[in-house]
Protein backbone atom coordinates (compact mmCIF):
# COMPACT_ATOMS: atom_id res chain seq x y z
CA MET A 1 88.41 97.93 -21.23
CA THR A 2 89.88 94.48 -21.62
CA PHE A 3 88.30 91.05 -21.37
CA ALA A 4 90.08 90.59 -18.01
CA ASP A 5 88.42 93.80 -16.72
CA LEU A 6 85.00 92.56 -17.79
CA ALA A 7 85.59 89.11 -16.32
CA ILE A 8 86.69 90.51 -12.96
CA ILE A 9 83.66 92.82 -12.82
CA GLY A 10 81.39 89.87 -13.65
CA LEU A 11 82.98 87.71 -10.95
CA GLY A 12 82.62 90.47 -8.36
CA GLY A 13 79.05 91.14 -9.50
CA GLY A 14 78.15 87.50 -8.99
CA ILE A 15 79.58 87.58 -5.46
CA GLY A 16 77.76 90.82 -4.64
CA THR A 17 74.48 89.49 -6.01
CA LEU A 18 74.76 86.35 -3.88
CA ILE A 19 75.48 88.46 -0.78
CA ARG A 20 72.40 90.58 -1.47
CA TYR A 21 70.20 87.54 -2.12
CA ILE A 22 71.29 85.71 1.04
CA LEU A 23 70.86 88.76 3.29
CA ALA A 24 67.48 89.64 1.76
CA LEU A 25 66.33 86.04 2.16
CA LYS A 26 67.34 85.97 5.84
CA TRP A 27 66.47 89.51 6.93
CA ASN A 28 63.60 90.72 4.71
CA ALA A 29 61.11 87.88 5.06
CA THR A 30 59.95 88.44 8.64
CA ARG A 31 59.97 92.24 8.78
CA SER A 32 57.91 94.95 7.17
CA LEU A 33 61.07 97.09 6.81
CA PRO A 34 63.40 95.34 4.33
CA ILE A 35 66.45 95.32 6.64
CA GLY A 36 68.51 93.11 4.30
CA THR A 37 68.16 95.49 1.35
CA LEU A 38 68.76 98.49 3.58
CA PHE A 39 71.93 96.88 4.97
CA VAL A 40 73.39 95.98 1.57
CA ASN A 41 72.69 99.46 0.21
CA TRP A 42 74.29 101.15 3.24
CA SER A 43 77.28 98.81 3.44
CA GLY A 44 77.75 99.03 -0.33
CA SER A 45 77.80 102.83 -0.08
CA PHE A 46 80.50 102.61 2.59
CA LEU A 47 82.49 100.08 0.56
CA ILE A 48 82.43 102.23 -2.58
CA GLY A 49 83.61 105.32 -0.69
CA PHE A 50 86.28 103.34 1.16
CA ILE A 51 87.75 101.52 -1.84
CA ALA A 52 87.69 104.65 -3.99
CA MET A 53 90.17 106.28 -1.60
CA LEU A 54 92.67 103.41 -1.40
CA ASN A 55 94.26 103.91 -4.81
CA LEU A 56 94.15 100.20 -5.61
CA ASN A 57 95.06 99.02 -9.08
CA SER A 58 92.23 99.10 -11.59
CA LEU A 59 91.44 95.36 -11.46
CA TRP A 60 90.86 95.45 -7.70
CA THR A 61 88.82 98.64 -8.01
CA TYR A 62 86.68 97.12 -10.79
CA PHE A 63 86.28 93.88 -8.82
CA ILE A 64 85.20 95.53 -5.57
CA ILE A 65 83.38 98.73 -6.62
CA SER A 66 81.76 97.82 -9.95
CA GLY A 67 81.56 94.11 -9.19
CA ILE A 68 80.87 93.31 -5.55
CA ALA A 69 79.36 96.65 -4.45
CA GLY A 70 77.51 97.06 -7.75
CA GLY A 71 76.03 93.57 -7.52
CA MET A 72 75.27 93.93 -3.83
CA THR A 73 73.49 97.30 -3.90
CA THR A 74 70.19 97.54 -5.65
CA PHE A 75 68.05 100.40 -6.85
CA SER A 76 65.46 98.16 -8.49
CA THR A 77 64.76 96.08 -5.38
CA LEU A 78 64.56 99.24 -3.29
CA ASN A 79 61.92 100.67 -5.61
CA LYS A 80 59.94 97.43 -5.70
CA GLU A 81 59.92 97.30 -1.92
CA LEU A 82 58.89 100.97 -1.70
CA VAL A 83 55.92 100.31 -4.00
CA ILE A 84 54.86 97.32 -1.89
CA LEU A 85 55.10 99.34 1.35
CA TRP A 86 53.00 102.12 -0.21
CA LYS A 87 50.39 99.70 -1.56
CA ASP A 88 50.20 97.97 1.84
CA GLY A 89 49.47 101.32 3.49
CA LYS A 90 52.71 101.34 5.50
CA ARG A 91 53.36 105.04 4.91
CA LYS A 92 55.64 105.66 7.91
CA ILE A 93 57.86 102.73 7.02
CA PHE A 94 57.78 103.83 3.35
CA PHE A 95 59.08 107.32 4.18
CA PHE A 96 61.66 106.07 6.68
CA TYR A 97 62.95 103.55 4.15
CA LEU A 98 63.06 106.08 1.31
CA ILE A 99 64.71 108.90 3.25
CA GLY A 100 66.88 106.59 5.35
CA THR A 101 68.23 104.71 2.36
CA TYR A 102 69.48 107.84 0.66
CA SER A 103 70.49 110.07 3.57
CA ILE A 104 72.21 107.36 5.59
CA GLY A 105 73.62 105.85 2.37
CA ILE A 106 75.29 109.17 1.56
CA PHE A 107 76.55 109.35 5.14
CA PHE A 108 78.04 105.85 4.89
CA ALA A 109 79.72 106.73 1.58
CA TYR A 110 81.24 109.75 3.32
CA LEU A 111 82.40 107.56 6.24
CA GLY A 112 83.95 105.18 3.73
CA ILE A 113 85.81 108.06 2.08
CA VAL A 114 87.09 109.27 5.45
CA ALA A 115 88.17 105.76 6.49
CA GLY A 116 89.79 105.16 3.10
CA ARG A 117 91.76 108.39 3.33
CA LEU A 118 92.99 107.41 6.78
CA LEU A 119 94.27 104.08 5.49
CA ALA A 120 95.43 105.15 2.02
CA PRO A 121 99.17 104.87 1.42
């Protein structure tokens, strides 16, 4: 891996992190279900599946998948929010969030793969 590869991943990661922060700030604050985090995890799953099928050159793949999608999606925030929901006694929301994040996330990754295959050269 070259310095250019690392730099492009870092740039994409910064963009993805800002997207996650802005959406979480706008959409998580007023709801008990963290819609912003859910959205970035689902859309990031789709984006990873989609881009993986397009056969882009490695710099674009690093930038979008490892950088933007990697910075945007978040396992640590998901777990923190799950702990808070559990501690607050919001068991139904906890289970919906847990199961929905993974099952629908996998579904969105699959949709991304299908869409990417349709558009791949």
